[in-house]
Amino acid sequence: MTTQTLAIEMKKIVKQFGEFRANDGIDLAVKAGTIHALLGENGAGKSTLMNILSGLLEQTSGEILINGEEVSISNPTIANKLGIGMVHQHFMLIKDFTVTENIVLGNEPKKAGIIDRSKAEKEIIELSQKYGLDVNPNAKVADISIGMQQRVEILKTLYRGANILIFDEPTAVLTPQEIDELIKIMKSLTAEGKSIILITHKLDEIKAVAQDCTVIRRGKSIGTVDVASVTEQELADMMVGRAVSFKTEKKPGSPKELVLSIENLVVKEKRGLEAVKGLSLEVHAGEVVGIAGIDGNGQSELIQAITGLSKVEEGSVKLKGKEISGFRPRAITEKNIGHVPEDRHKLGLILEMSVAENIALQTYYKEPLSSKGLLNYKNINEYARNLIQEYDVRTVNELIPVKALSGGNQQKAIIAREVDRNPDLLIVAQPTRGLDVGAIEYIHKRLIEQRDKGKAVLLISFELDEILNVSDRIAVMHDGQISGVVLPEETTPQELGLLMAGKTMETIEKNRQESC
């Protein structure tokens, strides 16, 4: 590999925050016109390294070369001039602006000192057609899908002339169909001569799109491999530093008494339409019931109804035989329900508060964390330190803002908070969204551990592998109803897909008989 063939070289990059080294002498070399994956556990230092390349942070030491020339990237404006653009995991869009207004923001074409909207729209249409990024330039960002918002982010970087694109966990919030579409887009961009760095921990995606992969572990570069010549297992083991199991080891469940009983539940969504339509479901102590389904089929409203965040229009929700529908969220929590919400940023954490304060959110008003209405920070911090150690939450200390943690460590903090309360029913929604294989393995073990302690676990996930791996029974939701209940050992992803699309159990049984 010669310097001329490299779009990017980062040599011995160190980034220090106080005494903590987020990047510790990392090397990265990206060939021009290729997709280069950056793989590592949550908190390994991937995003820090890319924030340095995109000008959001400055390295403590080390050098950066773009197309063989040494550069100093002290801010995002310089990165833009060097042709570097970053598509962030959490989109940087203004929801009340149109697609066009978001894309040209800060680089608006002007005519006689006034923004030339027609020229801006024309340029965006041409750009979107060139790269197969179909968007409606006049649509308001608040009204378009997540996948479409991501296209807007990509067009933003291309509009500014980016030749090097950084994608930070680009598929974490996309549907399978949107992921397939994004893969096609990335391949078309490199066919046009663009170079892409893909930050991810989804090994199947690395195998699908990347030519090379650099693995980072705890701030250090472990090595760069040719993706075609390694297996997913080898990549996982490199990333974590030990053999990783993709299959959660568990003994068969032994369901006991009924914990959660839902009968003929009706819940409306924000527009007043029925999202949950006469749904019935049971979860027993000592079992994991997984709810599979395509996003938007009433799963969110179901969770909100159980946890008191949405009104129950009809039907009942009973915990150990006692009605809990109509109770306020705290009253339901105090009935011994734990809730790991689907959106950790909006519903699970207060990002500006410390790790310790977030861990105490469910119990801060009780002794020993407070007394006579006054918080006892000594006890709060000690409580957090114990859980940080027990649940392997990787943080400098318990006092830093929780927003400074990686997504996986934020999720571990929420799970620590909820599981430590020893709930009879643990509701977990999308527990491993955006997490690496090591964190996924850890969280799955914790869920099975709760089941084995005789707790009832309700798991809601869009990841079929996760549902099949962890559940004892699988209930499939379609259009606000349960379209079927199956056992993981007796079904397949294809059968689940049919149920998710609205097919009945009669159809599934017929298919099974025909295939025998």
Protein backbone atom coordinates (compact mmCIF):
# COMPACT_ATOMS: atom_id res chain seq x y z
CA MET A 1 0.00 0.00 0.00
CA THR A 2 1.52 3.31 -1.03
CA THR A 3 0.75 6.74 0.31
CA GLN A 4 -0.66 7.77 -3.11
CA THR A 5 -3.48 5.22 -2.88
CA LEU A 6 -4.64 6.50 0.53
CA ALA A 7 -7.45 9.02 0.98
CA ILE A 8 -6.80 9.21 4.74
CA GLU A 9 -3.92 8.41 7.07
CA MET A 10 -4.22 8.92 10.81
CA LYS A 11 -0.95 8.16 12.60
CA LYS A 12 -0.51 7.53 16.34
CA ILE A 13 -3.61 9.56 17.23
CA VAL A 14 -3.95 10.32 20.95
CA LYS A 15 -6.93 12.09 22.48
CA GLN A 16 -6.78 12.73 26.19
CA PHE A 17 -9.61 13.97 28.43
CA GLY A 18 -7.94 14.74 31.76
CA GLU A 19 -6.32 11.46 32.76
CA PHE A 20 -8.52 9.38 30.44
CA ARG A 21 -7.19 8.40 27.00
CA ALA A 22 -10.10 7.87 24.62
CA ASN A 23 -7.66 7.32 21.73
CA ASP A 24 -4.28 5.84 22.60
CA GLY A 25 -1.95 5.87 19.58
CA ILE A 26 -4.48 4.78 16.93
CA ASP A 27 -3.42 4.18 13.31
CA LEU A 28 -5.92 4.27 10.45
CA ALA A 29 -5.27 4.09 6.70
CA VAL A 30 -8.21 4.30 4.26
CA LYS A 31 -7.75 3.50 0.57
CA ALA A 32 -9.35 5.94 -1.86
CA GLY A 33 -12.67 4.83 -3.36
CA THR A 34 -13.34 2.10 -0.77
CA ILE A 35 -15.60 1.46 2.20
CA HIS A 36 -13.46 1.06 5.32
CA ALA A 37 -15.20 -0.23 8.45
CA LEU A 38 -14.22 0.96 11.91
CA LEU A 39 -15.21 -1.75 14.38
CA GLY A 40 -15.13 -1.65 18.16
CA GLU A 41 -17.18 -2.06 21.31
CA ASN A 42 -19.28 0.83 22.60
CA GLY A 43 -16.83 3.24 24.21
CA ALA A 44 -13.80 1.86 22.34
CA GLY A 45 -12.98 5.32 20.90
CA LYS A 46 -14.40 5.06 17.35
CA SER A 47 -16.58 8.18 17.48
CA THR A 48 -13.81 10.17 19.21
CA LEU A 49 -11.42 9.29 16.39
CA MET A 50 -13.96 10.33 13.75
CA ASN A 51 -14.82 13.52 15.63
CA ILE A 52 -11.12 14.38 15.32
CA LEU A 53 -11.17 13.68 11.58
CA SER A 54 -14.32 15.79 11.11
CA GLY A 55 -12.99 18.74 13.14
CA LEU A 56 -15.28 18.45 16.17
CA LEU A 57 -12.29 17.59 18.38
CA GLU A 58 -8.56 18.21 18.12
CA GLN A 59 -6.12 15.38 18.77
CA THR A 60 -3.74 15.66 21.72
CA SER A 61 -0.98 14.28 19.50
CA GLY A 62 -0.50 12.42 16.23
CA GLU A 63 -0.80 13.45 12.57
CA ILE A 64 -3.46 13.36 9.86
CA LEU A 65 -2.80 13.14 6.12
CA ILE A 66 -5.50 13.69 3.49
CA ASN A 67 -4.52 12.45 0.01
CA GLY A 68 -0.91 12.31 1.19
CA GLU A 69 -0.78 15.91 2.52
CA GLU A 70 -0.43 16.55 6.25
CA VAL A 71 -3.31 18.71 7.53
CA SER A 72 -4.49 20.38 10.72
CA ILE A 73 -8.26 20.01 11.23
CA SER A 74 -9.09 22.40 14.05
CA ASN A 75 -12.79 22.85 13.24
CA PRO A 76 -15.59 21.46 11.02
CA THR A 77 -15.23 24.29 8.49
CA ILE A 78 -11.67 23.15 7.70
CA ALA A 79 -12.90 19.53 7.47
CA ASN A 80 -15.56 20.64 4.96
CA LYS A 81 -12.94 22.46 2.87
CA LEU A 82 -10.86 19.26 2.86
CA GLY A 83 -13.88 17.36 1.55
CA ILE A 84 -14.72 15.52 4.79
CA GLY A 85 -18.37 15.12 5.81
CA MET A 86 -19.90 13.20 8.70
CA VAL A 87 -23.35 11.64 8.88
CA HIS A 88 -24.00 11.43 12.63
CA GLN A 89 -25.88 8.62 14.38
CA HIS A 90 -28.27 11.19 15.88
CA PHE A 91 -29.21 13.38 12.93
CA MET A 92 -28.32 17.09 13.02
CA LEU A 93 -31.49 18.32 11.32
CA ILE A 94 -33.93 21.13 12.12
CA LYS A 95 -37.33 19.43 12.17
CA ASP A 96 -39.35 22.57 11.27
CA PHE A 97 -37.20 23.31 8.20
CA THR A 98 -37.78 21.76 4.79
CA VAL A 99 -35.42 19.23 3.23
CA THR A 100 -33.94 21.99 1.06
CA GLU A 101 -33.48 24.42 3.95
CA ASN A 102 -31.63 21.76 5.97
CA ILE A 103 -29.32 20.76 3.13
CA VAL A 104 -28.24 24.29 2.12
CA LEU A 105 -28.13 25.75 5.65
CA GLY A 106 -24.99 27.87 5.92
CA ASN A 107 -24.24 27.44 2.19
CA GLU A 108 -27.36 29.02 0.69
CA PRO A 109 -27.19 30.14 -2.97
CA LYS A 110 -28.08 33.82 -3.15
CA LYS A 111 -29.39 36.17 -5.81
CA ALA A 112 -29.16 39.93 -5.14
CA GLY A 113 -28.47 39.14 -1.47
CA ILE A 114 -31.59 36.98 -1.10
CA ILE A 115 -31.66 33.19 -0.83
CA ASP A 116 -32.36 31.73 -4.28
CA ARG A 117 -34.78 28.94 -3.32
CA SER A 118 -35.49 27.74 -6.86
CA LYS A 119 -31.74 27.35 -7.56
CA ALA A 120 -31.27 25.50 -4.24
CA GLU A 121 -34.12 23.08 -5.05
CA LYS A 122 -32.78 22.51 -8.58
CA GLU A 123 -29.29 21.72 -7.24
CA ILE A 124 -30.70 19.29 -4.67
CA ILE A 125 -32.86 17.48 -7.22
CA GLU A 126 -29.81 17.09 -9.52
CA LEU A 127 -27.66 15.86 -6.62
CA SER A 128 -30.30 13.41 -5.41
CA GLN A 129 -30.77 11.98 -8.91
CA LYS A 130 -27.01 11.62 -9.43
CA TYR A 131 -26.56 9.51 -6.30
CA GLY A 132 -29.93 7.73 -6.20
CA LEU A 133 -30.98 9.63 -3.05
CA ASP A 134 -34.60 10.37 -3.91
CA VAL A 135 -36.04 13.08 -1.62
CA ASN A 136 -38.87 15.61 -1.74
CA PRO A 137 -37.04 18.97 -1.49
CA ASN A 138 -40.17 20.74 -0.22
CA ALA A 139 -41.14 18.27 2.52
CA LYS A 140 -40.74 19.33 6.15
CA VAL A 141 -38.17 17.14 7.93
CA ALA A 142 -40.64 16.48 10.77
CA ASP A 143 -42.96 14.76 8.26
CA ILE A 144 -40.50 12.34 6.62
CA SER A 145 -39.31 8.88 7.73
CA ILE A 146 -36.06 8.19 9.60
CA GLY A 147 -34.59 6.58 6.48
CA MET A 148 -35.46 9.69 4.45
CA GLN A 149 -33.93 11.94 7.13
CA GLN A 150 -30.71 9.98 6.76
CA ARG A 151 -30.75 10.66 3.01
CA VAL A 152 -31.03 14.36 3.83
CA GLU A 153 -27.95 14.08 6.07
CA ILE A 154 -26.01 12.36 3.27
CA LEU A 155 -27.09 15.02 0.76
CA LYS A 156 -25.96 17.71 3.22
CA THR A 157 -22.41 16.35 3.10
CA LEU A 158 -22.46 15.87 -0.69
CA TYR A 159 -23.83 19.40 -1.23
CA ARG A 160 -20.78 20.72 0.59
CA GLY A 161 -18.48 18.79 -1.77
CA ALA A 162 -17.53 15.87 0.48
CA ASN A 163 -15.28 13.20 -1.06
CA ILE A 164 -14.70 11.46 2.27
CA LEU A 165 -17.90 10.47 4.09
CA ILE A 166 -18.03 9.20 7.67
CA PHE A 167 -21.13 7.19 8.61
CA ASP A 168 -21.55 6.85 12.39
CA GLU A 169 -23.74 3.80 13.20
CA PRO A 170 -25.91 4.56 10.15
CA THR A 171 -28.29 1.59 10.49
CA ALA A 172 -29.06 1.80 14.22
CA VAL A 173 -32.54 3.29 13.66
CA LEU A 174 -33.36 1.92 10.18
CA THR A 175 -35.76 -0.82 9.11
CA PRO A 176 -34.31 -3.84 7.23
CA GLN A 177 -35.59 -2.40 3.94
CA GLU A 178 -33.97 0.99 4.67
CA ILE A 179 -30.70 -0.79 5.54
CA ASP A 180 -30.70 -2.56 2.15
CA GLU A 181 -31.32 0.79 0.48
CA LEU A 182 -28.47 2.45 2.39
CA ILE A 183 -26.05 -0.33 1.39
CA LYS A 184 -26.90 0.31 -2.28
CA ILE A 185 -26.35 4.06 -1.76
CA MET A 186 -22.95 3.52 -0.12
CA LYS A 187 -21.82 1.27 -2.96
CA SER A 188 -22.96 3.84 -5.54
CA LEU A 189 -21.01 6.57 -3.73
CA THR A 190 -17.74 4.61 -3.84
CA ALA A 191 -18.43 3.79 -7.52
CA GLU A 192 -18.38 7.60 -8.01
CA GLY A 193 -14.93 7.72 -6.36
CA LYS A 194 -15.99 8.70 -2.83
CA SER A 195 -14.23 7.15 0.18
CA ILE A 196 -16.36 5.99 3.11
CA ILE A 197 -15.56 5.23 6.73
CA LEU A 198 -18.31 3.14 8.28
CA ILE A 199 -18.47 3.13 12.10
CA THR A 200 -20.46 0.08 13.08
CA HIS A 201 -20.55 -3.07 15.17
CA LYS A 202 -22.97 -4.96 12.91
CA LEU A 203 -20.73 -7.66 11.55
CA ASP A 204 -23.08 -8.76 8.75
CA GLU A 205 -23.09 -5.19 7.39
CA ILE A 206 -19.29 -5.05 7.42
CA LYS A 207 -19.21 -8.29 5.44
CA ALA A 208 -21.83 -6.90 3.02
CA VAL A 209 -20.19 -3.57 2.14
CA ALA A 210 -16.63 -3.05 3.43
CA GLN A 211 -13.33 -3.91 1.79
CA ASP A 212 -11.15 -3.30 4.87
CA CYS A 213 -11.84 -3.17 8.60
CA THR A 214 -9.82 -1.60 11.41
CA VAL A 215 -10.60 -2.94 14.87
CA ILE A 216 -10.30 -0.68 17.92
CA ARG A 217 -10.36 -1.97 21.48
CA ARG A 218 -10.25 0.28 24.56
CA GLY A 219 -8.72 3.18 22.66
CA LYS A 220 -6.05 1.20 20.79
CA SER A 221 -5.99 -0.06 17.19
CA ILE A 222 -5.78 -3.86 17.27
CA GLY A 223 -5.27 -4.30 13.53
CA THR A 224 -6.64 -3.87 10.02
CA VAL A 225 -7.97 -6.87 8.09
CA ASP A 226 -9.19 -7.67 4.59
CA VAL A 227 -12.92 -8.21 5.17
CA ALA A 228 -13.26 -10.90 2.48
CA SER A 229 -10.69 -13.10 4.24
CA VAL A 230 -12.13 -13.07 7.80
CA THR A 231 -15.30 -14.50 9.34
CA GLU A 232 -17.83 -12.63 11.46
CA GLN A 233 -16.71 -14.75 14.43
CA GLU A 234 -13.07 -13.70 13.94
CA LEU A 235 -14.10 -10.01 13.76
CA ALA A 236 -16.19 -10.36 16.93
CA ASP A 237 -13.36 -12.05 18.82
CA MET A 238 -10.90 -9.35 17.70
CA MET A 239 -13.26 -6.60 18.82
CA VAL A 240 -13.96 -7.97 22.29
CA GLY A 241 -10.60 -9.65 22.94
CA ARG A 242 -12.09 -13.06 23.73
CA ALA A 243 -14.31 -15.71 22.17
CA VAL A 244 -17.82 -14.30 21.78
CA SER A 245 -20.93 -16.48 21.70
CA PHE A 246 -23.69 -15.41 19.30
CA LYS A 247 -26.06 -17.91 20.93
CA THR A 248 -27.21 -17.25 24.49
CA GLU A 249 -26.72 -20.37 26.58
CA LYS A 250 -29.89 -21.10 28.55
CA LYS A 251 -31.79 -24.01 29.99
CA PRO A 252 -35.47 -24.40 29.04
CA GLY A 253 -37.78 -21.98 30.85
CA SER A 254 -40.08 -23.20 33.62
CA PRO A 255 -43.07 -20.83 33.69
CA LYS A 256 -44.77 -20.50 37.06
CA GLU A 257 -47.56 -18.21 38.29
CA LEU A 258 -49.20 -15.63 36.04
CA VAL A 259 -47.61 -12.18 36.48
CA LEU A 260 -48.92 -10.01 33.61
CA SER A 261 -52.39 -10.51 32.18
CA ILE A 262 -53.66 -8.29 29.34
CA GLU A 263 -57.22 -8.75 28.09
CA ASN A 264 -58.90 -7.07 25.09
CA LEU A 265 -56.64 -4.03 25.37
CA VAL A 266 -57.41 -0.99 23.22
CA VAL A 267 -54.96 1.95 23.11
CA LYS A 268 -55.01 4.98 20.82
CA GLU A 269 -51.98 6.68 19.28
CA LYS A 270 -51.32 10.43 19.21
CA ARG A 271 -53.73 11.14 16.34
CA GLY A 272 -56.59 9.39 18.13
CA LEU A 273 -56.54 6.25 15.97
CA GLU A 274 -56.51 2.80 17.54
CA ALA A 275 -52.95 1.44 17.68
CA VAL A 276 -53.67 -1.56 19.95
CA LYS A 277 -56.89 -3.30 18.95
CA GLY A 278 -58.34 -5.77 21.45
CA LEU A 279 -55.00 -7.40 22.30
CA SER A 280 -54.70 -10.19 24.88
CA LEU A 281 -51.42 -11.58 26.25
CA GLU A 282 -50.06 -13.40 29.31
CA VAL A 283 -46.55 -13.46 30.78
CA HIS A 284 -45.66 -15.87 33.58
CA ALA A 285 -42.91 -15.81 36.18
CA GLY A 286 -39.83 -17.64 34.93
CA GLU A 287 -40.30 -16.97 31.21
CA VAL A 288 -39.26 -14.49 28.54
CA VAL A 289 -42.08 -13.58 26.17
CA GLY A 290 -40.76 -11.88 23.06
CA ILE A 291 -42.92 -9.57 20.95
CA ALA A 292 -41.86 -9.54 17.32
CA GLY A 293 -43.25 -7.22 14.67
CA ILE A 294 -42.48 -4.52 12.16
CA ASP A 295 -42.11 -1.08 13.74
CA GLY A 296 -45.38 0.84 13.94
CA ASN A 297 -47.73 -2.08 14.63
CA GLY A 298 -48.69 -0.96 18.14
CA GLN A 299 -45.68 -2.17 20.12
CA SER A 300 -44.83 1.27 21.51
CA GLU A 301 -48.42 1.97 22.52
CA LEU A 302 -48.66 -1.45 24.20
CA ILE A 303 -45.62 -0.71 26.38
CA GLN A 304 -46.89 2.79 27.16
CA ALA A 305 -50.25 1.39 28.27
CA ILE A 306 -48.67 -1.20 30.59
CA THR A 307 -46.33 1.38 32.15
CA GLY A 308 -48.95 4.11 32.57
CA LEU A 309 -47.56 6.42 29.89
CA SER A 310 -50.68 6.08 27.69
CA LYS A 311 -54.36 5.87 28.50
CA VAL A 312 -56.12 2.49 28.30
CA GLU A 313 -59.31 3.02 26.28
CA GLU A 314 -60.75 -0.46 26.83
CA GLY A 315 -59.73 -3.77 28.36
CA SER A 316 -57.57 -4.54 31.37
CA VAL A 317 -53.94 -4.81 32.43
CA LYS A 318 -53.40 -6.88 35.57
CA LEU A 319 -50.25 -7.49 37.57
CA LYS A 320 -50.51 -10.63 39.72
CA GLY A 321 -54.31 -10.46 39.39
CA LYS A 322 -54.65 -6.78 40.35
CA GLU A 323 -55.71 -4.09 37.88
CA ILE A 324 -53.02 -1.48 37.17
CA SER A 325 -54.52 0.33 34.14
CA GLY A 326 -55.28 3.94 34.97
CA PHE A 327 -52.46 4.18 37.53
CA ARG A 328 -49.79 6.86 37.17
CA PRO A 329 -46.32 5.73 35.98
CA ARG A 330 -44.70 5.98 39.43
CA ALA A 331 -47.54 4.04 41.05
CA ILE A 332 -47.06 1.29 38.42
CA THR A 333 -43.29 1.31 38.94
CA GLU A 334 -43.87 0.87 42.66
CA LYS A 335 -46.01 -2.19 41.92
CA ASN A 336 -42.63 -3.76 41.11
CA ILE A 337 -42.37 -3.25 37.36
CA GLY A 338 -39.04 -2.44 35.71
CA HIS A 339 -39.00 -0.66 32.35
CA VAL A 340 -36.09 -0.35 29.93
CA PRO A 341 -37.59 2.04 27.32
CA GLU A 342 -37.10 1.80 23.55
CA ASP A 343 -35.51 5.26 23.24
CA ARG A 344 -32.83 5.59 25.89
CA HIS A 345 -32.22 9.29 25.18
CA LYS A 346 -35.83 10.50 25.22
CA LEU A 347 -37.35 8.13 27.78
CA GLY A 348 -34.55 6.44 29.72
CA LEU A 349 -32.07 9.15 30.70
CA ILE A 350 -31.71 12.84 31.51
CA LEU A 351 -28.61 13.46 29.42
CA GLU A 352 -27.35 16.57 31.23
CA MET A 353 -27.43 14.85 34.63
CA SER A 354 -24.63 12.69 36.00
CA VAL A 355 -24.39 8.92 35.65
CA ALA A 356 -25.07 8.62 39.41
CA GLU A 357 -28.19 10.82 39.24
CA ASN A 358 -29.54 8.80 36.31
CA ILE A 359 -28.96 5.50 38.11
CA ALA A 360 -30.88 6.92 41.09
CA LEU A 361 -33.86 8.17 39.05
CA GLN A 362 -36.25 5.43 40.14
CA THR A 363 -35.35 5.45 43.85
CA TYR A 364 -33.91 8.90 44.68
CA TYR A 365 -36.91 9.79 46.85
CA LYS A 366 -36.46 6.78 49.12
CA GLU A 367 -34.00 6.07 51.89
CA PRO A 368 -31.02 5.74 51.90
CA LEU A 369 -30.74 7.96 48.79
CA SER A 370 -32.70 10.73 50.47
CA SER A 371 -34.04 11.58 53.90
CA LYS A 372 -36.83 14.03 54.84
CA GLY A 373 -36.93 15.38 51.29
CA LEU A 374 -33.17 15.99 51.03
CA LEU A 375 -30.94 14.04 48.63
CA ASN A 376 -28.01 12.19 50.18
CA TYR A 377 -25.37 12.49 47.45
CA LYS A 378 -22.83 10.44 49.36
CA ASN A 379 -25.19 7.46 49.28
CA ILE A 380 -26.34 8.17 45.70
CA ASN A 381 -22.74 8.19 44.46
CA GLU A 382 -21.80 5.07 46.42
CA TYR A 383 -24.89 3.25 45.11
CA ALA A 384 -23.96 4.24 41.54
CA ARG A 385 -20.33 3.14 41.97
CA ASN A 386 -21.47 -0.31 43.08
CA LEU A 387 -23.80 -0.74 40.09
CA ILE A 388 -21.21 0.67 37.66
CA GLN A 389 -18.81 -2.04 38.79
CA GLU A 390 -21.40 -4.84 38.87
CA TYR A 391 -22.82 -4.05 35.40
CA ASP A 392 -19.50 -3.13 33.75
CA VAL A 393 -20.57 0.43 32.89
CA ARG A 394 -17.41 1.93 31.39
CA THR A 395 -17.11 5.50 32.57
CA VAL A 396 -14.40 7.78 33.99
CA ASN A 397 -16.48 8.02 37.18
CA GLU A 398 -20.08 8.29 38.36
CA LEU A 399 -20.06 12.12 38.34
CA ILE A 400 -19.68 12.82 34.60
CA PRO A 401 -22.82 13.65 32.54
CA VAL A 402 -24.44 10.48 31.23
CA LYS A 403 -24.39 12.01 27.71
CA ALA A 404 -20.60 11.49 27.73
CA LEU A 405 -21.05 7.69 27.82
CA SER A 406 -21.26 5.54 24.71
CA GLY A 407 -24.68 4.16 23.76
CA GLY A 408 -23.87 0.71 25.11
CA ASN A 409 -22.76 2.04 28.47
CA GLN A 410 -25.84 4.28 28.69
CA GLN A 411 -27.95 1.17 28.11
CA LYS A 412 -26.06 -0.79 30.76
CA ALA A 413 -26.71 2.04 33.24
CA ILE A 414 -30.47 1.86 32.55
CA ILE A 415 -30.52 -1.93 32.85
CA ALA A 416 -28.54 -1.71 36.10
CA ARG A 417 -31.06 0.78 37.49
CA GLU A 418 -34.10 -1.30 36.54
CA VAL A 419 -32.80 -4.79 37.35
CA ASP A 420 -31.30 -3.78 40.71
CA ARG A 421 -34.82 -2.94 41.90
CA ASN A 422 -35.61 -6.69 41.60
CA PRO A 423 -38.92 -6.22 39.70
CA ASP A 424 -41.51 -8.99 39.34
CA LEU A 425 -42.05 -7.90 35.72
CA LEU A 426 -39.21 -6.53 33.60
CA ILE A 427 -40.26 -4.84 30.34
CA VAL A 428 -37.37 -4.34 27.93
CA ALA A 429 -37.87 -2.60 24.58
CA GLN A 430 -35.16 -2.65 21.90
CA PRO A 431 -32.56 -3.43 24.62
CA THR A 432 -29.62 -3.88 22.24
CA ARG A 433 -30.39 -1.29 19.54
CA GLY A 434 -27.08 0.17 18.36
CA LEU A 435 -24.96 -2.05 20.62
CA ASP A 436 -21.91 -4.18 19.84
CA VAL A 437 -21.80 -7.98 20.07
CA GLY A 438 -20.06 -7.93 23.45
CA ALA A 439 -22.72 -5.67 24.98
CA ILE A 440 -25.50 -7.70 23.30
CA GLU A 441 -24.11 -10.93 24.74
CA TYR A 442 -23.92 -9.32 28.20
CA ILE A 443 -27.48 -7.92 28.12
CA HIS A 444 -28.98 -11.19 26.87
CA LYS A 445 -27.30 -13.04 29.74
CA ARG A 446 -28.78 -10.54 32.21
CA LEU A 447 -32.29 -11.08 30.80
CA ILE A 448 -31.97 -14.87 31.07
CA GLU A 449 -30.58 -14.41 34.59
CA GLN A 450 -33.76 -12.53 35.56
CA ARG A 451 -35.90 -15.26 34.06
CA ASP A 452 -33.97 -17.92 35.98
CA LYS A 453 -34.58 -15.98 39.19
CA GLY A 454 -38.32 -16.46 38.59
CA LYS A 455 -39.04 -13.02 37.12
CA ALA A 456 -41.40 -12.37 34.21
CA VAL A 457 -39.65 -10.73 31.24
CA LEU A 458 -41.45 -9.03 28.33
CA LEU A 459 -39.02 -8.39 25.46
CA ILE A 460 -39.98 -6.15 22.54
CA SER A 461 -37.51 -6.13 19.66
CA PHE A 462 -37.36 -5.62 15.89
CA GLU A 463 -34.30 -7.93 15.74
CA LEU A 464 -35.57 -11.42 14.89
CA ASP A 465 -32.25 -13.01 15.92
CA GLU A 466 -32.66 -11.46 19.36
CA ILE A 467 -36.29 -12.60 19.69
CA LEU A 468 -35.40 -16.17 18.63
CA ASN A 469 -32.28 -16.25 20.82
CA VAL A 470 -33.74 -15.01 24.11
CA SER A 471 -37.49 -15.78 24.13
CA ASP A 472 -39.27 -18.82 25.56
CA ARG A 473 -42.44 -17.87 23.68
CA ILE A 474 -42.85 -15.43 20.78
CA ALA A 475 -45.98 -13.33 20.26
CA VAL A 476 -46.09 -11.62 16.86
CA MET A 477 -47.85 -8.25 16.56
CA HIS A 478 -49.48 -7.05 13.37
CA ASP A 479 -51.83 -4.06 13.08
CA GLY A 480 -52.28 -3.75 16.84
CA GLN A 481 -53.15 -7.39 17.40
CA ILE A 482 -51.39 -10.68 18.15
CA SER A 483 -51.30 -12.56 14.84
CA GLY A 484 -49.80 -15.67 16.41
CA VAL A 485 -47.87 -17.14 19.34
CA VAL A 486 -45.08 -19.62 18.52
CA LEU A 487 -42.18 -21.38 20.23
CA PRO A 488 -38.69 -20.33 19.07
CA GLU A 489 -37.53 -23.93 18.66
CA GLU A 490 -40.51 -24.70 16.41
CA THR A 491 -40.47 -21.64 14.14
CA THR A 492 -38.20 -19.89 11.62
CA PRO A 493 -37.48 -16.27 10.66
CA GLN A 494 -39.53 -16.91 7.51
CA GLU A 495 -42.59 -17.97 9.54
CA LEU A 496 -42.20 -14.98 11.82
CA GLY A 497 -41.96 -12.75 8.74
CA LEU A 498 -45.28 -14.14 7.45
CA LEU A 499 -46.98 -13.50 10.81
CA MET A 500 -45.46 -10.00 10.93
CA ALA A 501 -47.00 -9.36 7.50
CA GLY A 502 -50.45 -10.33 8.79
CA LYS A 503 -50.70 -14.04 7.89
CA THR A 504 -52.66 -16.20 10.34
CA MET A 505 -51.54 -19.21 12.36
CA GLU A 506 -53.82 -21.31 10.13
CA THR A 507 -51.66 -20.31 7.14
CA ILE A 508 -48.49 -21.17 9.10
CA GLU A 509 -49.85 -24.58 10.12
CA LYS A 510 -50.89 -25.29 6.52
CA ASN A 511 -47.39 -24.37 5.28
CA ARG A 512 -45.83 -26.63 7.91
CA GLN A 513 -48.00 -29.58 6.83
CA GLU A 514 -47.22 -29.03 3.15
CA SER A 515 -43.47 -28.95 3.80
CA CYS A 516 -43.55 -32.25 5.74
